[in-house]
PDB file of N, CA and C in Angstrom:
ATOM      1  N   MET A   1     -47.330-113.445 -36.963  1.00  0.00           N
ATOM      2  CA  MET A   1     -47.968-112.189 -36.646  1.00  0.00           C
ATOM      3  C   MET A   1     -49.427-112.231 -37.111  1.00  0.00           C
ATOM      4  N   LYS A   2     -50.334-111.756 -36.278  1.00  0.00           N
ATOM      5  CA  LYS A   2     -51.755-111.761 -36.565  1.00  0.00           C
ATOM      6  C   LYS A   2     -52.146-110.471 -37.285  1.00  0.00           C
ATOM      7  N   GLU A   3     -52.946-110.592 -38.343  1.00  0.00           N
ATOM      8  CA  GLU A   3     -53.400-109.417 -39.073  1.00  0.00           C
ATOM      9  C   GLU A   3     -54.568-108.768 -38.344  1.00  0.00           C
ATOM     10  N   ALA A   4     -54.692-107.446 -38.494  1.00  0.00           N
ATOM     11  CA  ALA A   4     -55.806-106.717 -37.897  1.00  0.00           C
ATOM     12  C   ALA A   4     -57.092-107.051 -38.649  1.00  0.00           C
ATOM     13  N   THR A   5     -58.173-107.231 -37.915  1.00  0.00           N
ATOM     14  CA  THR A   5     -59.479-107.496 -38.518  1.00  0.00           C
ATOM     15  C   THR A   5     -60.053-106.190 -39.033  1.00  0.00           C
ATOM     16  N   PRO A   6     -60.500-106.142 -40.296  1.00  0.00           N
ATOM     17  CA  PRO A   6     -61.047-104.890 -40.825  1.00  0.00           C
ATOM     18  C   PRO A   6     -62.355-104.492 -40.125  1.00  0.00           C
ATOM     19  N   VAL A   7     -62.630-103.208 -40.122  1.00  0.00           N
ATOM     20  CA  VAL A   7     -63.844-102.673 -39.519  1.00  0.00           C
ATOM     21  C   VAL A   7     -64.938-102.659 -40.580  1.00  0.00           C
ATOM     22  N   THR A   8     -66.156-103.051 -40.206  1.00  0.00           N
ATOM     23  CA  THR A   8     -67.278-103.083 -41.151  1.00  0.00           C
ATOM     24  C   THR A   8     -68.042-101.763 -41.112  1.00  0.00           C
ATOM     25  N   LEU A   9     -68.854-101.507 -42.143  1.00  0.00           N
ATOM     26  CA  LEU A   9     -69.665-100.287 -42.184  1.00  0.00           C
ATOM     27  C   LEU A   9     -70.665-100.246 -41.033  1.00  0.00           C
ATOM     28  N   ASP A  10     -71.202-101.391 -40.643  1.00  0.00           N
ATOM     29  CA  ASP A  10     -72.124-101.429 -39.506  1.00  0.00           C
ATOM     30  C   ASP A  10     -71.424-100.980 -38.228  1.00  0.00           C
ATOM     31  N   GLU A  11     -70.177-101.384 -38.052  1.00  0.00           N
ATOM     32  CA  GLU A  11     -69.415-100.971 -36.874  1.00  0.00           C
ATOM     33  C   GLU A  11     -69.164 -99.460 -36.902  1.00  0.00           C
ATOM     34  N   ILE A  12     -68.888 -98.913 -38.060  1.00  0.00           N
ATOM     35  CA  ILE A  12     -68.623 -97.478 -38.173  1.00  0.00           C
ATOM     36  C   ILE A  12     -69.843 -96.675 -37.743  1.00  0.00           C
ATOM     37  N   GLY A  13     -71.025 -97.135 -38.119  1.00  0.00           N
ATOM     38  CA  GLY A  13     -72.247 -96.428 -37.759  1.00  0.00           C
ATOM     39  C   GLY A  13     -72.529 -96.400 -36.269  1.00  0.00           C
ATOM     40  N   SER A  14     -71.922 -97.293 -35.511  1.00  0.00           N
ATOM     41  CA  SER A  14     -72.179 -97.341 -34.073  1.00  0.00           C
ATOM     42  C   SER A  14     -70.966 -96.930 -33.234  1.00  0.00           C
ATOM     43  N   LEU A  15     -69.996 -96.274 -33.854  1.00  0.00           N
ATOM     44  CA  LEU A  15     -68.794 -95.860 -33.124  1.00  0.00           C
ATOM     45  C   LEU A  15     -69.083 -94.720 -32.154  1.00  0.00           C
ATOM     46  N   PRO A  16     -68.372 -94.673 -31.039  1.00  0.00           N
ATOM     47  CA  PRO A  16     -68.502 -93.542 -30.115  1.00  0.00           C
ATOM     48  C   PRO A  16     -67.773 -92.322 -30.673  1.00  0.00           C
ATOM     49  N   VAL A  17     -67.873 -91.202 -29.987  1.00  0.00           N
ATOM     50  CA  VAL A  17     -67.239 -89.954 -30.417  1.00  0.00           C
ATOM     51  C   VAL A  17     -65.722 -90.074 -30.395  1.00  0.00           C
ATOM     52  N   ALA A  18     -65.183 -90.784 -29.428  1.00  0.00           N
ATOM     53  CA  ALA A  18     -63.735 -90.968 -29.321  1.00  0.00           C
ATOM     54  C   ALA A  18     -63.415 -92.456 -29.257  1.00  0.00           C
ATOM     55  N   LEU A  19     -62.283 -92.814 -29.827  1.00  0.00           N
ATOM     56  CA  LEU A  19     -61.880 -94.213 -29.918  1.00  0.00           C
ATOM     57  C   LEU A  19     -60.647 -94.495 -29.076  1.00  0.00           C
ATOM     58  N   ASP A  20     -60.496 -95.747 -28.697  1.00  0.00           N
ATOM     59  CA  ASP A  20     -59.242 -96.172 -28.087  1.00  0.00           C
ATOM     60  C   ASP A  20     -58.245 -96.377 -29.228  1.00  0.00           C
ATOM     61  N   PRO A  21     -56.960 -96.339 -28.950  1.00  0.00           N
ATOM     62  CA  PRO A  21     -55.953 -96.457 -30.012  1.00  0.00           C
ATOM     63  C   PRO A  21     -56.034 -97.742 -30.829  1.00  0.00           C
ATOM     64  N   VAL A  22     -56.354 -98.857 -30.195  1.00  0.00           N
ATOM     65  CA  VAL A  22     -56.393-100.126 -30.923  1.00  0.00           C
ATOM     66  C   VAL A  22     -57.505-100.103 -31.974  1.00  0.00           C
ATOM     67  N   THR A  23     -58.676 -99.596 -31.613  1.00  0.00           N
ATOM     68  CA  THR A  23     -59.787 -99.505 -32.567  1.00  0.00           C
ATOM     69  C   THR A  23     -59.444 -98.544 -33.695  1.00  0.00           C
ATOM     70  N   ALA A  24     -58.892 -97.381 -33.351  1.00  0.00           N
ATOM     71  CA  ALA A  24     -58.510 -96.402 -34.378  1.00  0.00           C
ATOM     72  C   ALA A  24     -57.458 -96.993 -35.317  1.00  0.00           C
ATOM     73  N   GLY A  25     -56.475 -97.649 -34.749  1.00  0.00           N
ATOM     74  CA  GLY A  25     -55.456 -98.278 -35.573  1.00  0.00           C
ATOM     75  C   GLY A  25     -56.025 -99.346 -36.473  1.00  0.00           C
ATOM     76  N   ARG A  26     -56.951-100.118 -35.937  1.00  0.00           N
ATOM     77  CA  ARG A  26     -57.609-101.168 -36.716  1.00  0.00           C
ATOM     78  C   ARG A  26     -58.348-100.578 -37.915  1.00  0.00           C
ATOM     79  N   MET A  27     -59.003 -99.436 -37.701  1.00  0.00           N
ATOM     80  CA  MET A  27     -59.711 -98.773 -38.792  1.00  0.00           C
ATOM     81  C   MET A  27     -58.745 -98.289 -39.872  1.00  0.00           C
ATOM     82  N   LEU A  28     -57.528 -97.992 -39.471  1.00  0.00           N
ATOM     83  CA  LEU A  28     -56.516 -97.510 -40.416  1.00  0.00           C
ATOM     84  C   LEU A  28     -55.651 -98.640 -40.967  1.00  0.00           C
ATOM     85  N   GLY A  29     -55.972 -99.861 -40.576  1.00  0.00           N
ATOM     86  CA  GLY A  29     -55.225-101.005 -41.070  1.00  0.00           C
ATOM     87  C   GLY A  29     -53.907-101.236 -40.356  1.00  0.00           C
ATOM     88  N   LEU A  30     -53.800-100.715 -39.140  1.00  0.00           N
ATOM     89  CA  LEU A  30     -52.570-100.845 -38.359  1.00  0.00           C
ATOM     90  C   LEU A  30     -52.756-101.861 -37.241  1.00  0.00           C
ATOM     91  N   GLY A  31     -51.716-102.579 -36.937  1.00  0.00           N
ATOM     92  CA  GLY A  31     -51.734-103.495 -35.808  1.00  0.00           C
ATOM     93  C   GLY A  31     -51.500-102.742 -34.508  1.00  0.00           C
ATOM     94  N   ARG A  32     -51.676-103.422 -33.396  1.00  0.00           N
ATOM     95  CA  ARG A  32     -51.538-102.818 -32.070  1.00  0.00           C
ATOM     96  C   ARG A  32     -50.127-102.273 -31.832  1.00  0.00           C
ATOM     97  N   THR A  33     -49.121-103.046 -32.153  1.00  0.00           N
ATOM     98  CA  THR A  33     -47.745-102.621 -31.915  1.00  0.00           C
ATOM     99  C   THR A  33     -47.396-101.385 -32.737  1.00  0.00           C
ATOM    100  N   THR A  34     -47.758-101.391 -34.005  1.00  0.00           N
ATOM    101  CA  THR A  34     -47.486-100.239 -34.873  1.00  0.00           C
ATOM    102  C   THR A  34     -48.245 -99.016 -34.397  1.00  0.00           C
ATOM    103  N   THR A  35     -49.496 -99.209 -33.987  1.00  0.00           N
ATOM    104  CA  THR A  35     -50.308 -98.090 -33.496  1.00  0.00           C
ATOM    105  C   THR A  35     -49.620 -97.406 -32.320  1.00  0.00           C
ATOM    106  N   TYR A  36     -49.218 -98.182 -31.317  1.00  0.00           N
ATOM    107  CA  TYR A  36     -48.590 -97.571 -30.139  1.00  0.00           C
ATOM    108  C   TYR A  36     -47.207 -96.998 -30.443  1.00  0.00           C
ATOM    109  N   ARG A  37     -46.489 -97.596 -31.388  1.00  0.00           N
ATOM    110  CA  ARG A  37     -45.192 -97.038 -31.774  1.00  0.00           C
ATOM    111  C   ARG A  37     -45.379 -95.668 -32.425  1.00  0.00           C
ATOM    112  N   LEU A  38     -46.370 -95.558 -33.317  1.00  0.00           N
ATOM    113  CA  LEU A  38     -46.650 -94.278 -33.971  1.00  0.00           C
ATOM    114  C   LEU A  38     -47.123 -93.223 -32.968  1.00  0.00           C
ATOM    115  N   LEU A  39     -47.925 -93.636 -31.995  1.00  0.00           N
ATOM    116  CA  LEU A  39     -48.376 -92.707 -30.962  1.00  0.00           C
ATOM    117  C   LEU A  39     -47.190 -92.166 -30.166  1.00  0.00           C
ATOM    118  N   ARG A  40     -46.295 -93.047 -29.743  1.00  0.00           N
ATOM    119  CA  ARG A  40     -45.116 -92.622 -28.979  1.00  0.00           C
ATOM    120  C   ARG A  40     -44.217 -91.692 -29.785  1.00  0.00           C
ATOM    121  N   GLN A  41     -44.123 -91.941 -31.082  1.00  0.00           N
ATOM    122  CA  GLN A  41     -43.270 -91.129 -31.947  1.00  0.00           C
ATOM    123  C   GLN A  41     -43.937 -89.827 -32.381  1.00  0.00           C
ATOM    124  N   GLY A  42     -45.230 -89.669 -32.064  1.00  0.00           N
ATOM    125  CA  GLY A  42     -45.960 -88.478 -32.504  1.00  0.00           C
ATOM    126  C   GLY A  42     -46.252 -88.511 -33.998  1.00  0.00           C
ATOM    127  N   ALA A  43     -46.304 -89.717 -34.569  1.00  0.00           N
ATOM    128  CA  ALA A  43     -46.474 -89.871 -36.013  1.00  0.00           C
ATOM    129  C   ALA A  43     -47.791 -90.560 -36.385  1.00  0.00           C
ATOM    130  N   PHE A  44     -48.734 -90.644 -35.437  1.00  0.00           N
ATOM    131  CA  PHE A  44     -50.017 -91.270 -35.768  1.00  0.00           C
ATOM    132  C   PHE A  44     -50.691 -90.429 -36.845  1.00  0.00           C
ATOM    133  N   PRO A  45     -51.296 -91.040 -37.876  1.00  0.00           N
ATOM    134  CA  PRO A  45     -51.784 -90.277 -39.033  1.00  0.00           C
ATOM    135  C   PRO A  45     -53.011 -89.399 -38.801  1.00  0.00           C
ATOM    136  N   VAL A  46     -53.619 -89.450 -37.620  1.00  0.00           N
ATOM    137  CA  VAL A  46     -54.763 -88.583 -37.310  1.00  0.00           C
ATOM    138  C   VAL A  46     -54.511 -87.902 -35.970  1.00  0.00           C
ATOM    139  N   PRO A  47     -55.232 -86.815 -35.687  1.00  0.00           N
ATOM    140  CA  PRO A  47     -55.034 -86.134 -34.396  1.00  0.00           C
ATOM    141  C   PRO A  47     -55.385 -87.042 -33.219  1.00  0.00           C
ATOM    142  N   VAL A  48     -54.578 -86.965 -32.173  1.00  0.00           N
ATOM    143  CA  VAL A  48     -54.815 -87.731 -30.945  1.00  0.00           C
ATOM    144  C   VAL A  48     -54.639 -86.802 -29.748  1.00  0.00           C
ATOM    145  N   HIS A  49     -55.200 -87.212 -28.631  1.00  0.00           N
ATOM    146  CA  HIS A  49     -55.110 -86.425 -27.397  1.00  0.00           C
ATOM    147  C   HIS A  49     -54.735 -87.363 -26.258  1.00  0.00           C
ATOM    148  N   ARG A  50     -54.110 -86.804 -25.245  1.00  0.00           N
ATOM    149  CA  ARG A  50     -53.815 -87.567 -24.035  1.00  0.00           C
ATOM    150  C   ARG A  50     -54.859 -87.220 -22.982  1.00  0.00           C
ATOM    151  N   ALA A  51     -55.370 -88.227 -22.320  1.00  0.00           N
ATOM    152  CA  ALA A  51     -56.273 -88.063 -21.184  1.00  0.00           C
ATOM    153  C   ALA A  51     -55.600 -88.799 -20.033  1.00  0.00           C
ATOM    154  N   GLY A  52     -54.758 -88.087 -19.294  1.00  0.00           N
ATOM    155  CA  GLY A  52     -53.940 -88.736 -18.281  1.00  0.00           C
ATOM    156  C   GLY A  52     -52.889 -89.573 -18.982  1.00  0.00           C
ATOM    157  N   ARG A  53     -52.895 -90.859 -18.711  1.00  0.00           N
ATOM    158  CA  ARG A  53     -51.942 -91.762 -19.369  1.00  0.00           C
ATOM    159  C   ARG A  53     -52.521 -92.412 -20.617  1.00  0.00           C
ATOM    160  N   ALA A  54     -53.806 -92.203 -20.860  1.00  0.00           N
ATOM    161  CA  ALA A  54     -54.482 -92.853 -21.986  1.00  0.00           C
ATOM    162  C   ALA A  54     -54.466 -91.963 -23.233  1.00  0.00           C
ATOM    163  N   TRP A  55     -54.479 -92.607 -24.384  1.00  0.00           N
ATOM    164  CA  TRP A  55     -54.612 -91.920 -25.657  1.00  0.00           C
ATOM    165  C   TRP A  55     -56.082 -91.917 -26.047  1.00  0.00           C
ATOM    166  N   VAL A  56     -56.554 -90.816 -26.609  1.00  0.00           N
ATOM    167  CA  VAL A  56     -57.929 -90.698 -27.094  1.00  0.00           C
ATOM    168  C   VAL A  56     -57.857 -90.243 -28.551  1.00  0.00           C
ATOM    169  N   VAL A  57     -58.568 -90.948 -29.415  1.00  0.00           N
ATOM    170  CA  VAL A  57     -58.544 -90.631 -30.841  1.00  0.00           C
ATOM    171  C   VAL A  57     -59.964 -90.254 -31.275  1.00  0.00           C
ATOM    172  N   PRO A  58     -60.189 -88.977 -31.664  1.00  0.00           N
ATOM    173  CA  PRO A  58     -61.524 -88.590 -32.121  1.00  0.00           C
ATOM    174  C   PRO A  58     -61.942 -89.372 -33.371  1.00  0.00           C
ATOM    175  N   THR A  59     -63.133 -89.926 -33.337  1.00  0.00           N
ATOM    176  CA  THR A  59     -63.652 -90.716 -34.445  1.00  0.00           C
ATOM    177  C   THR A  59     -63.728 -89.898 -35.728  1.00  0.00           C
ATOM    178  N   ALA A  60     -64.139 -88.643 -35.618  1.00  0.00           N
ATOM    179  CA  ALA A  60     -64.274 -87.789 -36.801  1.00  0.00           C
ATOM    180  C   ALA A  60     -62.944 -87.651 -37.542  1.00  0.00           C
ATOM    181  N   GLY A  61     -61.844 -87.581 -36.813  1.00  0.00           N
ATOM    182  CA  GLY A  61     -60.533 -87.479 -37.449  1.00  0.00           C
ATOM    183  C   GLY A  61     -60.175 -88.726 -38.236  1.00  0.00           C
ATOM    184  N   VAL A  62     -60.515 -89.881 -37.685  1.00  0.00           N
ATOM    185  CA  VAL A  62     -60.234 -91.144 -38.379  1.00  0.00           C
ATOM    186  C   VAL A  62     -61.084 -91.241 -39.644  1.00  0.00           C
ATOM    187  N   LEU A  63     -62.375 -90.917 -39.515  1.00  0.00           N
ATOM    188  CA  LEU A  63     -63.265 -90.988 -40.680  1.00  0.00           C
ATOM    189  C   LEU A  63     -62.838 -89.997 -41.759  1.00  0.00           C
ATOM    190  N   ALA A  64     -62.444 -88.789 -41.362  1.00  0.00           N
ATOM    191  CA  ALA A  64     -61.978 -87.794 -42.330  1.00  0.00           C
ATOM    192  C   ALA A  64     -60.712 -88.278 -43.030  1.00  0.00           C
ATOM    193  N   HIS A  65     -59.805 -88.873 -42.279  1.00  0.00           N
ATOM    194  CA  HIS A  65     -58.567 -89.404 -42.857  1.00  0.00           C
ATOM    195  C   HIS A  65     -58.869 -90.480 -43.898  1.00  0.00           C
ATOM    196  N   LEU A  66     -59.914 -91.245 -43.665  1.00  0.00           N
ATOM    197  CA  LEU A  66     -60.313 -92.299 -44.594  1.00  0.00           C
ATOM    198  C   LEU A  66     -61.164 -91.766 -45.746  1.00  0.00           C
ATOM    199  N   GLY A  67     -61.482 -90.472 -45.710  1.00  0.00           N
ATOM    200  CA  GLY A  67     -62.291 -89.872 -46.768  1.00  0.00           C
ATOM    201  C   GLY A  67     -63.768 -90.177 -46.642  1.00  0.00           C
ATOM    202  N   LEU A  68     -64.214 -90.497 -45.424  1.00  0.00           N
ATOM    203  CA  LEU A  68     -65.627 -90.807 -45.186  1.00  0.00           C
ATOM    204  C   LEU A  68     -66.327 -89.614 -44.573  1.00  0.00           C
ATOM    205  N   ASP A  69     -67.531 -89.332 -45.034  1.00  0.00           N
ATOM    206  CA  ASP A  69     -68.331 -88.228 -44.513  1.00  0.00           C
ATOM    207  C   ASP A  69     -69.005 -88.679 -43.220  1.00  0.00           C
ATOM    208  N   VAL A  70     -68.737 -87.977 -42.142  1.00  0.00           N
ATOM    209  CA  VAL A  70     -69.282 -88.337 -40.833  1.00  0.00           C
ATOM    210  C   VAL A  70     -70.800 -88.339 -40.849  1.00  0.00           C
ATOM    211  N   THR A  71     -71.435 -87.420 -41.575  1.00  0.00           N
ATOM    212  CA  THR A  71     -72.897 -87.313 -41.560  1.00  0.00           C
ATOM    213  C   THR A  71     -73.573 -88.518 -42.198  1.00  0.00           C
ATOM    214  N   VAL A  72     -72.890 -89.254 -43.059  1.00  0.00           N
ATOM    215  CA  VAL A  72     -73.466 -90.444 -43.675  1.00  0.00           C
ATOM    216  C   VAL A  72     -73.767 -91.497 -42.620  1.00  0.00           C
ATOM    217  N   PHE A  73     -72.939 -91.536 -41.581  1.00  0.00           N
ATOM    218  CA  PHE A  73     -73.077 -92.558 -40.563  1.00  0.00           C
ATOM    219  C   PHE A  73     -73.880 -92.092 -39.358  1.00  0.00           C
ATOM    220  N   HIS A  74     -74.278 -90.813 -39.318  1.00  0.00           N
ATOM    221  CA  HIS A  74     -75.034 -90.286 -38.182  1.00  0.00           C
ATOM    222  C   HIS A  74     -76.465 -90.777 -38.275  1.00  0.00           C
ATOM    223  N   ARG A  75     -76.948 -91.384 -37.217  1.00  0.00           N
ATOM    224  CA  ARG A  75     -78.293 -91.971 -37.234  1.00  0.00           C
ATOM    225  C   ARG A  75     -79.338 -91.067 -36.602  1.00  0.00           C
ATOM    226  N   GLY A  76     -78.967 -89.840 -36.279  1.00  0.00           N
ATOM    227  CA  GLY A  76     -79.918 -88.912 -35.702  1.00  0.00           C
ATOM    228  C   GLY A  76     -79.884 -88.923 -34.197  1.00  0.00           C
ATOM    229  N   GLY A  77     -80.243 -87.792 -33.597  1.00  0.00           N
ATOM    230  CA  GLY A  77     -80.207 -87.689 -32.150  1.00  0.00           C
ATOM    231  C   GLY A  77     -78.784 -87.722 -31.643  1.00  0.00           C
ATOM    232  N   CYS A  78     -78.656 -87.742 -30.358  1.00  0.00           N
ATOM    233  CA  CYS A  78     -77.315 -87.748 -29.776  1.00  0.00           C
ATOM    234  C   CYS A  78     -76.774 -89.158 -29.623  1.00  0.00           C
ATOM    235  N   GLY A  79     -77.633 -90.156 -29.779  1.00  0.00           N
ATOM    236  CA  GLY A  79     -77.186 -91.532 -29.669  1.00  0.00           C
ATOM    237  C   GLY A  79     -77.263 -92.092 -28.266  1.00  0.00           C
ATOM    238  N   CYS A  80     -77.627 -91.239 -27.296  1.00  0.00           N
ATOM    239  CA  CYS A  80     -77.658 -91.703 -25.916  1.00  0.00           C
ATOM    240  C   CYS A  80     -78.984 -92.359 -25.561  1.00  0.00           C
ATOM    241  N   GLY A  81     -80.018 -92.151 -26.378  1.00  0.00           N
ATOM    242  CA  GLY A  81     -81.314 -92.751 -26.117  1.00  0.00           C
ATOM    243  C   GLY A  81     -82.161 -91.980 -25.121  1.00  0.00           C
ATOM    244  N   ALA A  82     -81.654 -90.849 -24.616  1.00  0.00           N
ATOM    245  CA  ALA A  82     -82.379 -90.085 -23.608  1.00  0.00           C
ATOM    246  C   ALA A  82     -83.510 -89.254 -24.209  1.00  0.00           C
ATOM    247  N   ARG A  83     -83.395 -88.933 -25.484  1.00  0.00           N
ATOM    248  CA  ARG A  83     -84.455 -88.155 -26.122  1.00  0.00           C
ATOM    249  C   ARG A  83     -84.555 -88.548 -27.581  1.00  0.00           C
ATOM    250  N   GLU A  84     -85.695 -88.238 -28.160  1.00  0.00           N
ATOM    251  CA  GLU A  84     -85.894 -88.586 -29.559  1.00  0.00           C
ATOM    252  C   GLU A  84     -85.206 -87.572 -30.452  1.00  0.00           C
ATOM    253  N   ASP A  85     -85.004 -87.934 -31.689  1.00  0.00           N
ATOM    254  CA  ASP A  85     -84.424 -87.032 -32.663  1.00  0.00           C
ATOM    255  C   ASP A  85     -85.388 -85.868 -32.863  1.00  0.00           C
ATOM    256  N   ASP A  86     -84.924 -84.643 -32.594  1.00  0.00           N
ATOM    257  CA  ASP A  86     -85.802 -83.462 -32.693  1.00  0.00           C
ATOM    258  C   ASP A  86     -86.096 -83.075 -34.137  1.00  0.00           C
ATOM    259  N   ARG A  87     -85.493 -83.743 -35.090  1.00  0.00           N
ATOM    260  CA  ARG A  87     -85.744 -83.428 -36.498  1.00  0.00           C
ATOM    261  C   ARG A  87     -86.882 -84.238 -37.090  1.00  0.00           C
ATOM    262  N   LYS A  88     -87.444 -85.181 -36.338  1.00  0.00           N
ATOM    263  CA  LYS A  88     -88.534 -85.987 -36.857  1.00  0.00           C
ATOM    264  C   LYS A  88     -89.719 -85.104 -37.199  1.00  0.00           C
ATOM    265  N   GLY A  89     -90.303 -85.381 -38.330  1.00  0.00           N
ATOM    266  CA  GLY A  89     -91.478 -84.623 -38.760  1.00  0.00           C
ATOM    267  C   GLY A  89     -91.130 -83.326 -39.470  1.00  0.00           C
ATOM    268  N   ARG A  90     -89.873 -82.969 -39.533  1.00  0.00           N
ATOM    269  CA  ARG A  90     -89.475 -81.768 -40.256  1.00  0.00           C
ATOM    270  C   ARG A  90     -89.076 -82.133 -41.675  1.00  0.00           C
ATOM    271  N   PRO A  91     -89.285 -81.200 -42.597  1.00  0.00           N
ATOM    272  CA  PRO A  91     -88.869 -81.472 -43.985  1.00  0.00           C
ATOM    273  C   PRO A  91     -87.380 -81.480 -44.129  1.00  0.00           C
TER     274      PRO A  91
END
Protein backbone atom coordinates (compact mmCIF):
# COMPACT_ATOMS: atom_id res chain seq x y z
CA MET A 1 0.00 0.00 0.00
CA LYS A 2 1.30 3.45 -0.95
CA GLU A 3 1.35 6.20 1.68
CA ALA A 4 -0.22 9.59 0.96
CA THR A 5 2.29 12.36 0.23
CA PRO A 6 2.00 15.16 2.80
CA VAL A 7 0.93 18.63 1.68
CA THR A 8 3.50 21.44 2.04
CA LEU A 9 2.85 24.98 3.33
CA ASP A 10 3.61 26.35 -0.15
CA GLU A 11 0.87 24.14 -1.58
CA ILE A 12 -1.60 25.33 1.06
CA GLY A 13 -1.00 28.95 0.09
CA SER A 14 -1.99 28.23 -3.51
CA LEU A 15 -5.06 26.05 -2.89
CA PRO A 16 -8.35 26.85 -4.64
CA VAL A 17 -11.55 27.64 -2.72
CA ALA A 18 -12.81 24.06 -3.11
CA LEU A 19 -10.84 20.83 -3.25
CA ASP A 20 -11.31 17.47 -4.87
CA PRO A 21 -11.67 14.61 -2.36
CA VAL A 22 -8.22 13.14 -3.01
CA THR A 23 -6.46 16.44 -2.25
CA ALA A 24 -8.61 17.05 0.84
CA GLY A 25 -7.96 13.53 2.06
CA ARG A 26 -4.26 13.94 1.44
CA MET A 27 -4.25 17.08 3.58
CA LEU A 28 -5.90 15.08 6.36
CA GLY A 29 -3.46 12.21 6.02
CA LEU A 30 -5.99 9.88 4.40
CA GLY A 31 -5.46 7.67 1.39
CA ARG A 32 -7.76 7.66 -1.64
CA THR A 33 -9.65 4.51 -0.67
CA THR A 34 -10.28 5.67 2.90
CA THR A 35 -11.32 9.12 1.69
CA TYR A 36 -14.00 7.75 -0.64
CA ARG A 37 -15.17 5.20 1.94
CA LEU A 38 -15.67 7.99 4.50
CA LEU A 39 -17.49 10.12 1.92
CA ARG A 40 -19.89 7.27 1.08
CA GLN A 41 -20.52 6.62 4.77
CA GLY A 42 -21.14 10.32 5.49
CA ALA A 43 -18.24 10.22 7.97
CA PHE A 44 -15.71 12.51 6.27
CA PRO A 45 -14.22 14.70 9.06
CA VAL A 46 -15.00 18.03 7.33
CA PRO A 47 -18.09 19.38 5.55
CA VAL A 48 -18.52 18.19 1.96
CA HIS A 49 -21.00 18.94 -0.81
CA ARG A 50 -22.21 17.07 -3.86
CA ALA A 51 -22.03 18.76 -7.25
CA GLY A 52 -23.85 16.27 -9.45
CA ARG A 53 -21.90 13.06 -9.03
CA ALA A 54 -18.75 14.80 -7.79
CA TRP A 55 -17.75 15.58 -4.22
CA VAL A 56 -16.59 19.12 -3.41
CA VAL A 57 -14.67 19.88 -0.21
CA PRO A 58 -14.36 23.54 0.85
CA THR A 59 -10.72 24.38 1.57
CA ALA A 60 -11.65 26.55 4.56
CA GLY A 61 -13.25 23.54 6.27
CA VAL A 62 -10.12 21.44 5.85
CA LEU A 63 -7.86 24.23 7.12
CA ALA A 64 -10.16 24.87 10.11
CA HIS A 65 -10.17 21.15 10.93
CA LEU A 66 -6.37 21.23 10.94
CA GLY A 67 -6.40 24.29 13.22
CA LEU A 68 -4.92 26.58 10.56
CA ASP A 69 -6.03 30.19 10.15
CA VAL A 70 -7.19 30.75 6.58
CA THR A 71 -6.06 34.41 6.61
CA VAL A 72 -2.43 33.39 7.20
CA PHE A 73 -2.37 31.80 3.76
CA HIS A 74 -4.34 34.53 1.94
CA ARG A 75 -2.03 36.39 -0.41
CA GLY A 76 -4.38 39.28 -1.11
CA GLY A 77 -6.80 39.98 -3.90
CA CYS A 78 -9.11 37.35 -5.25
CA GLY A 79 -6.28 35.28 -6.69
CA CYS A 80 -7.64 35.41 -10.22
CA GLY A 81 -5.12 38.00 -11.42
CA ALA A 82 -7.85 40.16 -12.98
CA ARG A 83 -7.30 43.06 -10.60
CA GLU A 84 -4.77 44.24 -8.09
CA ASP A 85 -5.22 43.95 -4.36
CA ASP A 86 -7.37 46.97 -3.41
CA ARG A 87 -5.70 47.14 0.00
CA LYS A 88 -2.32 48.22 -1.37
CA GLY A 89 -1.22 51.54 0.01
CA ARG A 90 -3.64 51.38 2.93
CA PRO A 91 -2.45 51.20 6.52
